[in-house]
Amino acid sequence: MSWPSDTPDLDVLYGLRDEQAYFEETTLQGYPAVFANQNDWRDRHCVLYVGVSDDAVFYTAVDTFGEEGAPGPCDAARKAAESVVDNLRRNPAA
């Protein structure tokens, strides 16, 4: 999970949609979210961006390193992001 200040907001990411190898809109607990990356390695690496306000986005990235039997990286990225949102709701000042 990362929340760097230079993470593009979702509007910027939508503007870069054509530059992404995959771009899949979704929601996460009512927040807009996008699975996107410039490389399509979703079988072993997946990135999920979640917009929690107009100007705050975090992302989770999971890489299974091609391990046989590893859970799907996109499912794992979603679960990690759900944990972040749950924590933000419990601790809004954090």
PDB file of N, CA and C in Angstrom:
ATOM      1  N   MET A   1       0.853  -1.158   0.000  1.00  0.00           N
ATOM      2  CA  MET A   1       0.000   0.000   0.000  1.00  0.00           C
ATOM      3  C   MET A   1       0.895   1.215   0.000  1.00  0.00           C
ATOM      4  N   SER A   2       0.504   2.225  -0.766  1.00  0.00           N
ATOM      5  CA  SER A   2       1.292   3.443  -0.820  1.00  0.00           C
ATOM      6  C   SER A   2       0.368   4.640  -0.967  1.00  0.00           C
ATOM      7  N   TRP A   3       0.801   5.758  -0.407  1.00  0.00           N
ATOM      8  CA  TRP A   3       0.036   6.990  -0.480  1.00  0.00           C
ATOM      9  C   TRP A   3       0.994   8.139  -0.752  1.00  0.00           C
ATOM     10  N   PRO A   4       1.852   8.023  -1.762  1.00  0.00           N
ATOM     11  CA  PRO A   4       2.813   9.098  -2.029  1.00  0.00           C
ATOM     12  C   PRO A   4       2.110  10.345  -2.559  1.00  0.00           C
ATOM     13  N   SER A   5       2.706  11.489  -2.309  1.00  0.00           N
ATOM     14  CA  SER A   5       2.095  12.753  -2.721  1.00  0.00           C
ATOM     15  C   SER A   5       1.995  12.888  -4.239  1.00  0.00           C
ATOM     16  N   ASP A   6       2.798  12.135  -4.977  1.00  0.00           N
ATOM     17  CA  ASP A   6       2.750  12.253  -6.437  1.00  0.00           C
ATOM     18  C   ASP A   6       1.862  11.192  -7.094  1.00  0.00           C
ATOM     19  N   THR A   7       1.077  10.449  -6.291  1.00  0.00           N
ATOM     20  CA  THR A   7       0.123   9.511  -6.886  1.00  0.00           C
ATOM     21  C   THR A   7      -0.924  10.316  -7.634  1.00  0.00           C
ATOM     22  N   PRO A   8      -1.149  10.010  -8.901  1.00  0.00           N
ATOM     23  CA  PRO A   8      -2.133  10.800  -9.655  1.00  0.00           C
ATOM     24  C   PRO A   8      -3.539  10.599  -9.111  1.00  0.00           C
ATOM     25  N   ASP A   9      -4.338  11.700  -9.109  1.00  0.00           N
ATOM     26  CA  ASP A   9      -5.725  11.508  -8.707  1.00  0.00           C
ATOM     27  C   ASP A   9      -6.442  10.756  -9.829  1.00  0.00           C
ATOM     28  N   LEU A  10      -7.649  10.325  -9.552  1.00  0.00           N
ATOM     29  CA  LEU A  10      -8.339   9.481 -10.535  1.00  0.00           C
ATOM     30  C   LEU A  10      -8.614  10.225 -11.834  1.00  0.00           C
ATOM     31  N   ASP A  11      -8.836  11.546 -11.783  1.00  0.00           N
ATOM     32  CA  ASP A  11      -9.041  12.306 -13.021  1.00  0.00           C
ATOM     33  C   ASP A  11      -7.807  12.222 -13.914  1.00  0.00           C
ATOM     34  N   VAL A  12      -6.638  12.343 -13.315  1.00  0.00           N
ATOM     35  CA  VAL A  12      -5.388  12.232 -14.081  1.00  0.00           C
ATOM     36  C   VAL A  12      -5.257  10.824 -14.642  1.00  0.00           C
ATOM     37  N   LEU A  13      -5.539   9.838 -13.811  1.00  0.00           N
ATOM     38  CA  LEU A  13      -5.438   8.449 -14.262  1.00  0.00           C
ATOM     39  C   LEU A  13      -6.399   8.171 -15.417  1.00  0.00           C
ATOM     40  N   TYR A  14      -7.617   8.723 -15.350  1.00  0.00           N
ATOM     41  CA  TYR A  14      -8.553   8.574 -16.467  1.00  0.00           C
ATOM     42  C   TYR A  14      -7.999   9.225 -17.728  1.00  0.00           C
ATOM     43  N   GLY A  15      -7.313  10.341 -17.572  1.00  0.00           N
ATOM     44  CA  GLY A  15      -6.696  11.005 -18.720  1.00  0.00           C
ATOM     45  C   GLY A  15      -5.586  10.179 -19.339  1.00  0.00           C
ATOM     46  N   LEU A  16      -4.962   9.320 -18.540  1.00  0.00           N
ATOM     47  CA  LEU A  16      -3.881   8.452 -19.018  1.00  0.00           C
ATOM     48  C   LEU A  16      -4.379   7.062 -19.402  1.00  0.00           C
ATOM     49  N   ARG A  17      -5.684   6.920 -19.462  1.00  0.00           N
ATOM     50  CA  ARG A  17      -6.302   5.620 -19.716  1.00  0.00           C
ATOM     51  C   ARG A  17      -5.720   4.911 -20.934  1.00  0.00           C
ATOM     52  N   ASP A  18      -5.534   5.627 -22.022  1.00  0.00           N
ATOM     53  CA  ASP A  18      -5.035   5.011 -23.259  1.00  0.00           C
ATOM     54  C   ASP A  18      -3.586   4.559 -23.158  1.00  0.00           C
ATOM     55  N   GLU A  19      -2.870   5.046 -22.158  1.00  0.00           N
ATOM     56  CA  GLU A  19      -1.473   4.650 -21.966  1.00  0.00           C
ATOM     57  C   GLU A  19      -1.334   3.422 -21.067  1.00  0.00           C
ATOM     58  N   GLN A  20      -2.445   2.945 -20.543  1.00  0.00           N
ATOM     59  CA  GLN A  20      -2.418   1.802 -19.631  1.00  0.00           C
ATOM     60  C   GLN A  20      -2.623   0.504 -20.408  1.00  0.00           C
ATOM     61  N   ALA A  21      -1.927  -0.535 -20.001  1.00  0.00           N
ATOM     62  CA  ALA A  21      -2.122  -1.847 -20.618  1.00  0.00           C
ATOM     63  C   ALA A  21      -3.446  -2.455 -20.172  1.00  0.00           C
ATOM     64  N   TYR A  22      -3.871  -2.117 -18.968  1.00  0.00           N
ATOM     65  CA  TYR A  22      -5.210  -2.476 -18.519  1.00  0.00           C
ATOM     66  C   TYR A  22      -5.771  -1.336 -17.695  1.00  0.00           C
ATOM     67  N   PHE A  23      -7.084  -1.168 -17.765  1.00  0.00           N
ATOM     68  CA  PHE A  23      -7.783  -0.094 -17.063  1.00  0.00           C
ATOM     69  C   PHE A  23      -9.199  -0.583 -16.812  1.00  0.00           C
ATOM     70  N   GLU A  24      -9.474  -0.941 -15.574  1.00  0.00           N
ATOM     71  CA  GLU A  24     -10.772  -1.509 -15.237  1.00  0.00           C
ATOM     72  C   GLU A  24     -11.382  -0.725 -14.078  1.00  0.00           C
ATOM     73  N   GLU A  25     -12.476  -0.027 -14.371  1.00  0.00           N
ATOM     74  CA  GLU A  25     -13.165   0.749 -13.344  1.00  0.00           C
ATOM     75  C   GLU A  25     -13.891  -0.185 -12.385  1.00  0.00           C
ATOM     76  N   THR A  26     -13.922   0.213 -11.128  1.00  0.00           N
ATOM     77  CA  THR A  26     -14.631  -0.550 -10.116  1.00  0.00           C
ATOM     78  C   THR A  26     -14.969   0.398  -8.967  1.00  0.00           C
ATOM     79  N   THR A  27     -15.526  -0.124  -7.916  1.00  0.00           N
ATOM     80  CA  THR A  27     -15.722   0.642  -6.689  1.00  0.00           C
ATOM     81  C   THR A  27     -15.208  -0.203  -5.537  1.00  0.00           C
ATOM     82  N   LEU A  28     -14.903   0.482  -4.457  1.00  0.00           N
ATOM     83  CA  LEU A  28     -14.439  -0.200  -3.260  1.00  0.00           C
ATOM     84  C   LEU A  28     -15.119   0.457  -2.066  1.00  0.00           C
ATOM     85  N   GLN A  29     -16.057  -0.242  -1.484  1.00  0.00           N
ATOM     86  CA  GLN A  29     -16.809   0.261  -0.336  1.00  0.00           C
ATOM     87  C   GLN A  29     -17.377   1.662  -0.599  1.00  0.00           C
ATOM     88  N   GLY A  30     -17.893   1.852  -1.808  1.00  0.00           N
ATOM     89  CA  GLY A  30     -18.514   3.116  -2.179  1.00  0.00           C
ATOM     90  C   GLY A  30     -17.572   4.149  -2.770  1.00  0.00           C
ATOM     91  N   TYR A  31     -16.287   3.897  -2.752  1.00  0.00           N
ATOM     92  CA  TYR A  31     -15.305   4.815  -3.337  1.00  0.00           C
ATOM     93  C   TYR A  31     -14.988   4.397  -4.766  1.00  0.00           C
ATOM     94  N   PRO A  32     -14.751   5.371  -5.643  1.00  0.00           N
ATOM     95  CA  PRO A  32     -14.346   5.012  -7.009  1.00  0.00           C
ATOM     96  C   PRO A  32     -12.945   4.421  -6.989  1.00  0.00           C
ATOM     97  N   ALA A  33     -12.743   3.437  -7.823  1.00  0.00           N
ATOM     98  CA  ALA A  33     -11.449   2.764  -7.873  1.00  0.00           C
ATOM     99  C   ALA A  33     -11.169   2.296  -9.300  1.00  0.00           C
ATOM    100  N   VAL A  34      -9.899   2.062  -9.577  1.00  0.00           N
ATOM    101  CA  VAL A  34      -9.477   1.638 -10.910  1.00  0.00           C
ATOM    102  C   VAL A  34      -8.313   0.661 -10.781  1.00  0.00           C
ATOM    103  N   PHE A  35      -8.450  -0.493 -11.408  1.00  0.00           N
ATOM    104  CA  PHE A  35      -7.314  -1.383 -11.618  1.00  0.00           C
ATOM    105  C   PHE A  35      -6.617  -0.866 -12.869  1.00  0.00           C
ATOM    106  N   ALA A  36      -5.344  -0.513 -12.779  1.00  0.00           N
ATOM    107  CA  ALA A  36      -4.638   0.020 -13.952  1.00  0.00           C
ATOM    108  C   ALA A  36      -3.135  -0.145 -13.783  1.00  0.00           C
ATOM    109  N   ASN A  37      -2.479  -0.306 -14.920  1.00  0.00           N
ATOM    110  CA  ASN A  37      -1.021  -0.332 -14.935  1.00  0.00           C
ATOM    111  C   ASN A  37      -0.565  -0.268 -16.390  1.00  0.00           C
ATOM    112  N   GLN A  38       0.647   0.219 -16.586  1.00  0.00           N
ATOM    113  CA  GLN A  38       1.191   0.324 -17.939  1.00  0.00           C
ATOM    114  C   GLN A  38       1.650  -1.018 -18.474  1.00  0.00           C
ATOM    115  N   ASN A  39       1.790  -2.011 -17.608  1.00  0.00           N
ATOM    116  CA  ASN A  39       2.154  -3.364 -18.024  1.00  0.00           C
ATOM    117  C   ASN A  39       1.052  -4.313 -17.590  1.00  0.00           C
ATOM    118  N   ASP A  40       0.665  -5.218 -18.442  1.00  0.00           N
ATOM    119  CA  ASP A  40      -0.383  -6.165 -18.087  1.00  0.00           C
ATOM    120  C   ASP A  40       0.242  -7.471 -17.613  1.00  0.00           C
ATOM    121  N   TRP A  41       0.503  -7.490 -16.320  1.00  0.00           N
ATOM    122  CA  TRP A  41       1.040  -8.687 -15.677  1.00  0.00           C
ATOM    123  C   TRP A  41       0.075  -9.149 -14.593  1.00  0.00           C
ATOM    124  N   ARG A  42      -1.239  -8.936 -14.822  1.00  0.00           N
ATOM    125  CA  ARG A  42      -2.233  -9.214 -13.785  1.00  0.00           C
ATOM    126  C   ARG A  42      -2.212 -10.653 -13.285  1.00  0.00           C
ATOM    127  N   ASP A  43      -1.614 -11.565 -14.023  1.00  0.00           N
ATOM    128  CA  ASP A  43      -1.526 -12.934 -13.523  1.00  0.00           C
ATOM    129  C   ASP A  43      -0.554 -13.038 -12.354  1.00  0.00           C
ATOM    130  N   ARG A  44       0.328 -12.003 -12.185  1.00  0.00           N
ATOM    131  CA  ARG A  44       1.281 -12.033 -11.067  1.00  0.00           C
ATOM    132  C   ARG A  44       1.465 -10.687 -10.379  1.00  0.00           C
ATOM    133  N   HIS A  45       0.987  -9.599 -10.997  1.00  0.00           N
ATOM    134  CA  HIS A  45       1.160  -8.259 -10.424  1.00  0.00           C
ATOM    135  C   HIS A  45      -0.071  -7.422 -10.754  1.00  0.00           C
ATOM    136  N   CYS A  46      -0.666  -6.789  -9.735  1.00  0.00           N
ATOM    137  CA  CYS A  46      -1.878  -6.016  -9.964  1.00  0.00           C
ATOM    138  C   CYS A  46      -1.847  -4.747  -9.108  1.00  0.00           C
ATOM    139  N   VAL A  47      -2.342  -3.643  -9.683  1.00  0.00           N
ATOM    140  CA  VAL A  47      -2.371  -2.354  -9.005  1.00  0.00           C
ATOM    141  C   VAL A  47      -3.806  -1.850  -8.971  1.00  0.00           C
ATOM    142  N   LEU A  48      -4.247  -1.401  -7.787  1.00  0.00           N
ATOM    143  CA  LEU A  48      -5.579  -0.850  -7.599  1.00  0.00           C
ATOM    144  C   LEU A  48      -5.457   0.535  -6.984  1.00  0.00           C
ATOM    145  N   TYR A  49      -5.991   1.552  -7.682  1.00  0.00           N
ATOM    146  CA  TYR A  49      -6.028   2.931  -7.194  1.00  0.00           C
ATOM    147  C   TYR A  49      -7.411   3.178  -6.614  1.00  0.00           C
ATOM    148  N   VAL A  50      -7.465   3.843  -5.451  1.00  0.00           N
ATOM    149  CA  VAL A  50      -8.741   4.134  -4.793  1.00  0.00           C
ATOM    150  C   VAL A  50      -8.792   5.620  -4.470  1.00  0.00           C
ATOM    151  N   GLY A  51      -9.839   6.288  -4.941  1.00  0.00           N
ATOM    152  CA  GLY A  51     -10.031   7.706  -4.647  1.00  0.00           C
ATOM    153  C   GLY A  51     -10.871   7.861  -3.394  1.00  0.00           C
ATOM    154  N   VAL A  52     -10.273   8.380  -2.323  1.00  0.00           N
ATOM    155  CA  VAL A  52     -11.003   8.523  -1.059  1.00  0.00           C
ATOM    156  C   VAL A  52     -11.488   9.956  -0.836  1.00  0.00           C
ATOM    157  N   SER A  53     -11.062  10.880  -1.680  1.00  0.00           N
ATOM    158  CA  SER A  53     -11.587  12.246  -1.702  1.00  0.00           C
ATOM    159  C   SER A  53     -11.250  12.830  -3.066  1.00  0.00           C
ATOM    160  N   ASP A  54     -11.646  14.082  -3.290  1.00  0.00           N
ATOM    161  CA  ASP A  54     -11.383  14.701  -4.592  1.00  0.00           C
ATOM    162  C   ASP A  54      -9.900  14.794  -4.906  1.00  0.00           C
ATOM    163  N   ASP A  55      -9.068  14.884  -3.876  1.00  0.00           N
ATOM    164  CA  ASP A  55      -7.637  15.048  -4.132  1.00  0.00           C
ATOM    165  C   ASP A  55      -6.770  14.059  -3.363  1.00  0.00           C
ATOM    166  N   ALA A  56      -7.346  12.949  -2.929  1.00  0.00           N
ATOM    167  CA  ALA A  56      -6.568  11.936  -2.214  1.00  0.00           C
ATOM    168  C   ALA A  56      -6.821  10.558  -2.811  1.00  0.00           C
ATOM    169  N   VAL A  57      -5.743   9.959  -3.264  1.00  0.00           N
ATOM    170  CA  VAL A  57      -5.785   8.624  -3.862  1.00  0.00           C
ATOM    171  C   VAL A  57      -4.667   7.802  -3.231  1.00  0.00           C
ATOM    172  N   PHE A  58      -4.974   6.565  -2.926  1.00  0.00           N
ATOM    173  CA  PHE A  58      -3.907   5.643  -2.533  1.00  0.00           C
ATOM    174  C   PHE A  58      -3.967   4.459  -3.478  1.00  0.00           C
ATOM    175  N   TYR A  59      -2.897   3.695  -3.485  1.00  0.00           N
ATOM    176  CA  TYR A  59      -2.933   2.494  -4.311  1.00  0.00           C
ATOM    177  C   TYR A  59      -2.343   1.316  -3.558  1.00  0.00           C
ATOM    178  N   THR A  60      -2.819   0.148  -3.932  1.00  0.00           N
ATOM    179  CA  THR A  60      -2.247  -1.087  -3.438  1.00  0.00           C
ATOM    180  C   THR A  60      -1.699  -1.828  -4.647  1.00  0.00           C
ATOM    181  N   ALA A  61      -0.550  -2.404  -4.483  1.00  0.00           N
ATOM    182  CA  ALA A  61       0.078  -3.188  -5.541  1.00  0.00           C
ATOM    183  C   ALA A  61       0.520  -4.512  -4.936  1.00  0.00           C
ATOM    184  N   VAL A  62       0.144  -5.578  -5.579  1.00  0.00           N
ATOM    185  CA  VAL A  62       0.494  -6.906  -5.094  1.00  0.00           C
ATOM    186  C   VAL A  62       1.217  -7.644  -6.205  1.00  0.00           C
ATOM    187  N   ASP A  63       2.324  -8.253  -5.844  1.00  0.00           N
ATOM    188  CA  ASP A  63       3.091  -9.064  -6.790  1.00  0.00           C
ATOM    189  C   ASP A  63       3.275 -10.437  -6.182  1.00  0.00           C
ATOM    190  N   THR A  64       2.817 -11.464  -6.870  1.00  0.00           N
ATOM    191  CA  THR A  64       2.975 -12.836  -6.387  1.00  0.00           C
ATOM    192  C   THR A  64       4.273 -13.458  -6.891  1.00  0.00           C
ATOM    193  N   PHE A  65       5.021 -12.725  -7.681  1.00  0.00           N
ATOM    194  CA  PHE A  65       6.297 -13.191  -8.220  1.00  0.00           C
ATOM    195  C   PHE A  65       6.157 -14.525  -8.939  1.00  0.00           C
ATOM    196  N   GLY A  66       4.977 -14.774  -9.501  1.00  0.00           N
ATOM    197  CA  GLY A  66       4.754 -15.985 -10.270  1.00  0.00           C
ATOM    198  C   GLY A  66       4.712 -17.250  -9.439  1.00  0.00           C
ATOM    199  N   GLU A  67       4.535 -17.120  -8.108  1.00  0.00           N
ATOM    200  CA  GLU A  67       4.499 -18.294  -7.241  1.00  0.00           C
ATOM    201  C   GLU A  67       3.300 -19.168  -7.578  1.00  0.00           C
ATOM    202  N   GLU A  68       3.532 -20.410  -7.825  1.00  0.00           N
ATOM    203  CA  GLU A  68       2.469 -21.365  -8.108  1.00  0.00           C
ATOM    204  C   GLU A  68       1.543 -21.476  -6.902  1.00  0.00           C
ATOM    205  N   GLY A  69       0.243 -21.391  -7.140  1.00  0.00           N
ATOM    206  CA  GLY A  69      -0.727 -21.520  -6.067  1.00  0.00           C
ATOM    207  C   GLY A  69      -0.959 -20.259  -5.259  1.00  0.00           C
ATOM    208  N   ALA A  70      -0.295 -19.162  -5.611  1.00  0.00           N
ATOM    209  CA  ALA A  70      -0.495 -17.899  -4.891  1.00  0.00           C
ATOM    210  C   ALA A  70      -1.884 -17.357  -5.217  1.00  0.00           C
ATOM    211  N   PRO A  71      -2.495 -16.637  -4.266  1.00  0.00           N
ATOM    212  CA  PRO A  71      -3.809 -16.052  -4.573  1.00  0.00           C
ATOM    213  C   PRO A  71      -3.686 -15.036  -5.698  1.00  0.00           C
ATOM    214  N   GLY A  72      -4.793 -14.773  -6.380  1.00  0.00           N
ATOM    215  CA  GLY A  72      -4.776 -13.800  -7.466  1.00  0.00           C
ATOM    216  C   GLY A  72      -4.343 -12.435  -6.962  1.00  0.00           C
ATOM    217  N   PRO A  73      -3.410 -11.786  -7.631  1.00  0.00           N
ATOM    218  CA  PRO A  73      -2.906 -10.504  -7.143  1.00  0.00           C
ATOM    219  C   PRO A  73      -3.964  -9.402  -7.127  1.00  0.00           C
ATOM    220  N   CYS A  74      -4.931  -9.431  -8.044  1.00  0.00           N
ATOM    221  CA  CYS A  74      -5.967  -8.391  -8.028  1.00  0.00           C
ATOM    222  C   CYS A  74      -6.909  -8.581  -6.851  1.00  0.00           C
ATOM    223  N   ASP A  75      -7.228  -9.828  -6.522  1.00  0.00           N
ATOM    224  CA  ASP A  75      -8.044 -10.078  -5.329  1.00  0.00           C
ATOM    225  C   ASP A  75      -7.299  -9.633  -4.079  1.00  0.00           C
ATOM    226  N   ALA A  76      -6.021  -9.918  -4.020  1.00  0.00           N
ATOM    227  CA  ALA A  76      -5.221  -9.528  -2.862  1.00  0.00           C
ATOM    228  C   ALA A  76      -5.095  -8.001  -2.772  1.00  0.00           C
ATOM    229  N   ALA A  77      -4.952  -7.321  -3.916  1.00  0.00           N
ATOM    230  CA  ALA A  77      -4.878  -5.859  -3.915  1.00  0.00           C
ATOM    231  C   ALA A  77      -6.192  -5.264  -3.410  1.00  0.00           C
ATOM    232  N   ARG A  78      -7.319  -5.846  -3.815  1.00  0.00           N
ATOM    233  CA  ARG A  78      -8.631  -5.387  -3.341  1.00  0.00           C
ATOM    234  C   ARG A  78      -8.753  -5.587  -1.830  1.00  0.00           C
ATOM    235  N   LYS A  79      -8.355  -6.740  -1.324  1.00  0.00           N
ATOM    236  CA  LYS A  79      -8.448  -7.007   0.112  1.00  0.00           C
ATOM    237  C   LYS A  79      -7.572  -6.038   0.907  1.00  0.00           C
ATOM    238  N   ALA A  80      -6.381  -5.763   0.407  1.00  0.00           N
ATOM    239  CA  ALA A  80      -5.499  -4.812   1.088  1.00  0.00           C
ATOM    240  C   ALA A  80      -6.122  -3.417   1.106  1.00  0.00           C
ATOM    241  N   ALA A  81      -6.702  -3.004  -0.018  1.00  0.00           N
ATOM    242  CA  ALA A  81      -7.344  -1.689  -0.094  1.00  0.00           C
ATOM    243  C   ALA A  81      -8.554  -1.619   0.832  1.00  0.00           C
ATOM    244  N   GLU A  82      -9.318  -2.713   0.943  1.00  0.00           N
ATOM    245  CA  GLU A  82     -10.454  -2.732   1.864  1.00  0.00           C
ATOM    246  C   GLU A  82      -9.985  -2.529   3.302  1.00  0.00           C
ATOM    247  N   SER A  83      -8.853  -3.113   3.651  1.00  0.00           N
ATOM    248  CA  SER A  83      -8.301  -2.921   4.997  1.00  0.00           C
ATOM    249  C   SER A  83      -7.939  -1.465   5.246  1.00  0.00           C
ATOM    250  N   VAL A  84      -7.364  -0.814   4.238  1.00  0.00           N
ATOM    251  CA  VAL A  84      -7.009   0.598   4.365  1.00  0.00           C
ATOM    252  C   VAL A  84      -8.269   1.440   4.577  1.00  0.00           C
ATOM    253  N   VAL A  85      -9.291   1.219   3.763  1.00  0.00           N
ATOM    254  CA  VAL A  85     -10.535   1.984   3.890  1.00  0.00           C
ATOM    255  C   VAL A  85     -11.184   1.730   5.246  1.00  0.00           C
ATOM    256  N   ASP A  86     -11.201   0.472   5.682  1.00  0.00           N
ATOM    257  CA  ASP A  86     -11.753   0.167   7.005  1.00  0.00           C
ATOM    258  C   ASP A  86     -11.011   0.957   8.089  1.00  0.00           C
ATOM    259  N   ASN A  87      -9.696   0.997   7.993  1.00  0.00           N
ATOM    260  CA  ASN A  87      -8.892   1.732   8.973  1.00  0.00           C
ATOM    261  C   ASN A  87      -9.170   3.234   8.912  1.00  0.00           C
ATOM    262  N   LEU A  88      -9.302   3.774   7.710  1.00  0.00           N
ATOM    263  CA  LEU A  88      -9.603   5.199   7.573  1.00  0.00           C
ATOM    264  C   LEU A  88     -10.960   5.544   8.185  1.00  0.00           C
ATOM    265  N   ARG A  89     -11.912   4.667   8.036  1.00  0.00           N
ATOM    266  CA  ARG A  89     -13.244   4.915   8.597  1.00  0.00           C
ATOM    267  C   ARG A  89     -13.216   4.840  10.135  1.00  0.00           C
ATOM    268  N   ARG A  90     -12.401   3.949  10.673  1.00  0.00           N
ATOM    269  CA  ARG A  90     -12.290   3.847  12.124  1.00  0.00           C
ATOM    270  C   ARG A  90     -11.475   4.973  12.724  1.00  0.00           C
ATOM    271  N   ASN A  91     -10.502   5.478  11.957  1.00  0.00           N
ATOM    272  CA  ASN A  91      -9.576   6.504  12.437  1.00  0.00           C
ATOM    273  C   ASN A  91      -9.467   7.634  11.423  1.00  0.00           C
ATOM    274  N   PRO A  92     -10.513   8.436  11.235  1.00  0.00           N
ATOM    275  CA  PRO A  92     -10.509   9.441  10.172  1.00  0.00           C
ATOM    276  C   PRO A  92      -9.411  10.496  10.314  1.00  0.00           C
ATOM    277  N   ALA A  93      -8.892  10.720  11.497  1.00  0.00           N
ATOM    278  CA  ALA A  93      -7.838  11.733  11.668  1.00  0.00           C
ATOM    279  C   ALA A  93      -6.462  11.142  11.408  1.00  0.00           C
ATOM    280  N   ALA A  94      -6.377   9.834  11.217  1.00  0.00           N
ATOM    281  CA  ALA A  94      -5.066   9.177  11.040  1.00  0.00           C
ATOM    282  C   ALA A  94      -4.466   9.517   9.699  1.00  0.00           C
TER     283      ALA A  94
END
